[in-house]
C-alpha atoms as a PDB file:
ATOM      1  CA  MET A   1      72.379 122.009  95.897  1.00  0.00           C
ATOM      2  CA  VAL A   2      76.001 122.062  97.019  1.00  0.00           C
ATOM      3  CA  ALA A   3      77.325 123.981  94.005  1.00  0.00           C
ATOM      4  CA  ARG A   4      74.925 126.882  94.623  1.00  0.00           C
ATOM      5  CA  GLN A   5      75.930 127.021  98.297  1.00  0.00           C
ATOM      6  CA  VAL A   6      79.615 127.057  97.361  1.00  0.00           C
ATOM      7  CA  LEU A   7      79.067 129.900  94.906  1.00  0.00           C
ATOM      8  CA  ARG A   8      77.182 131.891  97.516  1.00  0.00           C
ATOM      9  CA  HIS A   9      79.649 131.383 100.379  1.00  0.00           C
ATOM     10  CA  TRP A  10      82.963 131.425  98.504  1.00  0.00           C
ATOM     11  CA  GLN A  11      82.596 134.659  96.550  1.00  0.00           C
ATOM     12  CA  GLY A  12      85.807 136.624  96.163  1.00  0.00           C
ATOM     13  CA  VAL A  13      88.126 133.781  97.198  1.00  0.00           C
ATOM     14  CA  THR A  14      89.564 130.730  95.497  1.00  0.00           C
ATOM     15  CA  PRO A  15      86.736 128.196  95.395  1.00  0.00           C
ATOM     16  CA  PRO A  16      87.145 124.656  96.682  1.00  0.00           C
ATOM     17  CA  LEU A  17      87.567 121.738  94.335  1.00  0.00           C
ATOM     18  CA  LEU A  18      84.362 119.661  94.325  1.00  0.00           C
ATOM     19  CA  SER A  19      85.214 115.953  94.298  1.00  0.00           C
ATOM     20  CA  SER A  20      82.668 113.151  94.244  1.00  0.00           C
ATOM     21  CA  PHE A  21      82.253 109.447  93.568  1.00  0.00           C
ATOM     22  CA  SER A  22      78.886 110.339  92.018  1.00  0.00           C
ATOM     23  CA  PRO A  23      78.873 111.247  88.314  1.00  0.00           C
ATOM     24  CA  VAL A  24      75.266 112.407  88.790  1.00  0.00           C
ATOM     25  CA  SER A  25      76.369 114.886  91.471  1.00  0.00           C
ATOM     26  CA  LEU A  26      79.286 116.111  89.371  1.00  0.00           C
ATOM     27  CA  ALA A  27      77.002 116.626  86.368  1.00  0.00           C
ATOM     28  CA  ALA A  28      74.576 118.580  88.542  1.00  0.00           C
ATOM     29  CA  ALA A  29      77.443 120.737  89.865  1.00  0.00           C
ATOM     30  CA  ARG A  30      78.660 121.306  86.305  1.00  0.00           C
ATOM     31  CA  ASP A  31      75.196 122.365  85.194  1.00  0.00           C
ATOM     32  CA  GLU A  32      74.604 124.596  88.215  1.00  0.00           C
ATOM     33  CA  ALA A  33      78.031 126.178  88.643  1.00  0.00           C
ATOM     34  CA  ARG A  34      80.311 125.490  85.681  1.00  0.00           C
ATOM     35  CA  GLU A  35      82.986 127.827  87.079  1.00  0.00           C
ATOM     36  CA  LEU A  36      83.605 125.586  90.109  1.00  0.00           C
ATOM     37  CA  PRO A  37      86.418 123.103  89.540  1.00  0.00           C
ATOM     38  CA  ARG A  38      85.436 119.445  89.835  1.00  0.00           C
ATOM     39  CA  ALA A  39      87.174 116.068  90.092  1.00  0.00           C
ATOM     40  CA  LEU A  40      85.890 112.540  89.653  1.00  0.00           C
ATOM     41  CA  LEU A  41      86.668 110.434  92.718  1.00  0.00           C
ATOM     42  CA  VAL A  42      87.222 106.695  92.120  1.00  0.00           C
ATOM     43  CA  GLY A  43      88.685 103.708  93.893  1.00  0.00           C
ATOM     44  CA  ASP A  44      90.024 101.935  90.833  1.00  0.00           C
ATOM     45  CA  VAL A  45      90.756 103.916  87.698  1.00  0.00           C
ATOM     46  CA  PRO A  46      88.148 103.019  85.073  1.00  0.00           C
ATOM     47  CA  VAL A  47      89.325 102.181  81.563  1.00  0.00           C
ATOM     48  CA  ASP A  48      87.325 105.130  80.226  1.00  0.00           C
ATOM     49  CA  TRP A  49      88.501 107.591  82.887  1.00  0.00           C
ATOM     50  CA  ARG A  50      89.352 110.317  80.355  1.00  0.00           C
ATOM     51  CA  GLU A  51      85.969 110.074  78.665  1.00  0.00           C
ATOM     52  CA  GLN A  52      84.241 110.253  82.056  1.00  0.00           C
ATOM     53  CA  ILE A  53      86.076 113.338  83.258  1.00  0.00           C
ATOM     54  CA  ASP A  54      85.717 115.000  79.857  1.00  0.00           C
ATOM     55  CA  ARG A  55      81.971 114.315  79.834  1.00  0.00           C
ATOM     56  CA  LEU A  56      81.654 115.755  83.348  1.00  0.00           C
ATOM     57  CA  ASP A  57      84.023 118.637  82.504  1.00  0.00           C
ATOM     58  CA  CYS A  58      86.210 117.680  85.459  1.00  0.00           C
ATOM     59  CA  PHE A  59      89.579 119.236  86.140  1.00  0.00           C
ATOM     60  CA  ALA A  60      91.175 116.117  87.664  1.00  0.00           C
ATOM     61  CA  LEU A  61      90.831 112.516  88.740  1.00  0.00           C
ATOM     62  CA  HIS A  62      91.116 111.462  92.377  1.00  0.00           C
ATOM     63  CA  CYS A  63      91.893 107.781  93.026  1.00  0.00           C
ATOM     64  CA  HIS A  64      93.059 105.400  95.702  1.00  0.00           C
ATOM     65  CA  TYR A  65      96.861 105.367  95.757  1.00  0.00           C
ATOM     66  CA  ARG A  66      96.951 101.666  94.824  1.00  0.00           C
ATOM     67  CA  ALA A  67      95.300 102.539  91.502  1.00  0.00           C
ATOM     68  CA  ALA A  68      97.983 105.091  90.603  1.00  0.00           C
ATOM     69  CA  THR A  69     100.177 102.917  88.427  1.00  0.00           C
ATOM     70  CA  GLN A  70     103.170 104.333  86.612  1.00  0.00           C
ATOM     71  CA  ALA A  71     101.439 103.730  83.251  1.00  0.00           C
ATOM     72  CA  PHE A  72      98.247 105.477  84.330  1.00  0.00           C
ATOM     73  CA  LEU A  73     100.115 108.466  85.778  1.00  0.00           C
ATOM     74  CA  ALA A  74     102.171 108.826  82.588  1.00  0.00           C
ATOM     75  CA  HIS A  75      98.960 108.724  80.536  1.00  0.00           C
ATOM     76  CA  ALA A  76      97.322 111.332  82.784  1.00  0.00           C
ATOM     77  CA  ALA A  77     100.383 113.590  82.541  1.00  0.00           C
ATOM     78  CA  ALA A  78     100.455 113.231  78.751  1.00  0.00           C
ATOM     79  CA  HIS A  79      96.882 114.526  78.708  1.00  0.00           C
ATOM     80  CA  ALA A  80      97.543 117.288  81.281  1.00  0.00           C
ATOM     81  CA  ARG A  81      95.167 115.757  83.831  1.00  0.00           C
ATOM     82  CA  PRO A  82      96.126 116.194  87.492  1.00  0.00           C
ATOM     83  CA  VAL A  83      95.803 113.128  89.712  1.00  0.00           C
ATOM     84  CA  LEU A  84      95.240 113.246  93.463  1.00  0.00           C
ATOM     85  CA  CYS A  85      95.747 110.065  95.510  1.00  0.00           C
ATOM     86  CA  TYR A  86      94.113 109.123  98.792  1.00  0.00           C
ATOM     87  CA  THR A  87      94.818 107.988 101.609  1.00  0.00           C
ATOM     88  CA  VAL A  88      98.615 108.131 101.824  1.00  0.00           C
ATOM     89  CA  ASN A  89      99.905 107.702 105.362  1.00  0.00           C
ATOM     90  CA  ARG A  90     103.550 106.738 104.777  1.00  0.00           C
ATOM     91  CA  ALA A  91     106.356 109.114 103.789  1.00  0.00           C
ATOM     92  CA  ALA A  92     108.047 106.547 101.530  1.00  0.00           C
ATOM     93  CA  LEU A  93     104.810 106.032  99.622  1.00  0.00           C
ATOM     94  CA  ALA A  94     104.288 109.792  99.362  1.00  0.00           C
ATOM     95  CA  ARG A  95     107.812 110.161  97.915  1.00  0.00           C
ATOM     96  CA  LYS A  96     107.200 107.365  95.401  1.00  0.00           C
ATOM     97  CA  LEU A  97     103.872 108.808  94.251  1.00  0.00           C
ATOM     98  CA  GLN A  98     105.349 112.281  93.933  1.00  0.00           C
ATOM     99  CA  SER A  99     108.221 110.895  91.836  1.00  0.00           C
ATOM    100  CA  LEU A 100     105.669 109.234  89.541  1.00  0.00           C
ATOM    101  CA  GLY A 101     103.870 112.538  88.996  1.00  0.00           C
ATOM    102  CA  VAL A 102     100.948 112.566  91.422  1.00  0.00           C
ATOM    103  CA  SER A 103      99.729 116.154  91.766  1.00  0.00           C
ATOM    104  CA  ALA A 104      98.418 115.990  95.327  1.00  0.00           C
ATOM    105  CA  LEU A 105      97.901 113.618  98.237  1.00  0.00           C
ATOM    106  CA  VAL A 106      95.293 113.132 100.933  1.00  0.00           C
ATOM    107  CA  THR A 107      96.503 111.840 104.283  1.00  0.00           C
ATOM    108  CA  ASP A 108      95.131 111.086 107.723  1.00  0.00           C
ATOM    109  CA  ARG A 109      98.611 111.496 109.210  1.00  0.00           C
ATOM    110  CA  LEU A 110     100.103 114.921 108.606  1.00  0.00           C
ATOM    111  CA  ASP A 111     102.620 114.084 111.317  1.00  0.00           C
ATOM    112  CA  LEU A 112     104.084 111.321 109.100  1.00  0.00           C
ATOM    113  CA  ILE A 113     104.046 113.100 105.730  1.00  0.00           C
ATOM    114  CA  PRO A 114     106.570 115.913 105.294  1.00  0.00           C
ATOM    115  CA  PRO A 115     105.791 118.943 103.102  1.00  0.00           C
ATOM    116  CA  ALA A 116     106.149 118.220  99.368  1.00  0.00           C
ATOM    117  CA  ALA A 117     109.406 120.171  99.169  1.00  0.00           C
ATOM    118  CA  ALA A 118     110.943 117.803 101.740  1.00  0.00           C
ATOM    119  CA  LEU A 119     109.782 114.631 100.010  1.00  0.00           C
END
């Protein structure tokens, strides 16, 4: 199981954030290694996203950037839930998402996305 391997190999350092499209895998990670942070990975944000991440004891929600609407991001912020967006490969889009409150971005093009402080 991945969670056990992470616990064994990441002792003494900040553990990685486990992110998965699979609620079954996230539940197994929660049951095996509750101390590891987890995030539910989705394409579109489900209507019951908060219930899902609460049930799985997830730290955050990861979604496709197109699903990160202003209303959703405001709702997530109001409930202190970080949102990561993937796959952002344009600086203007990164700036917009950051201004809306996205916590983190995934990109394939580090050469096109400046550090957050420069956005």
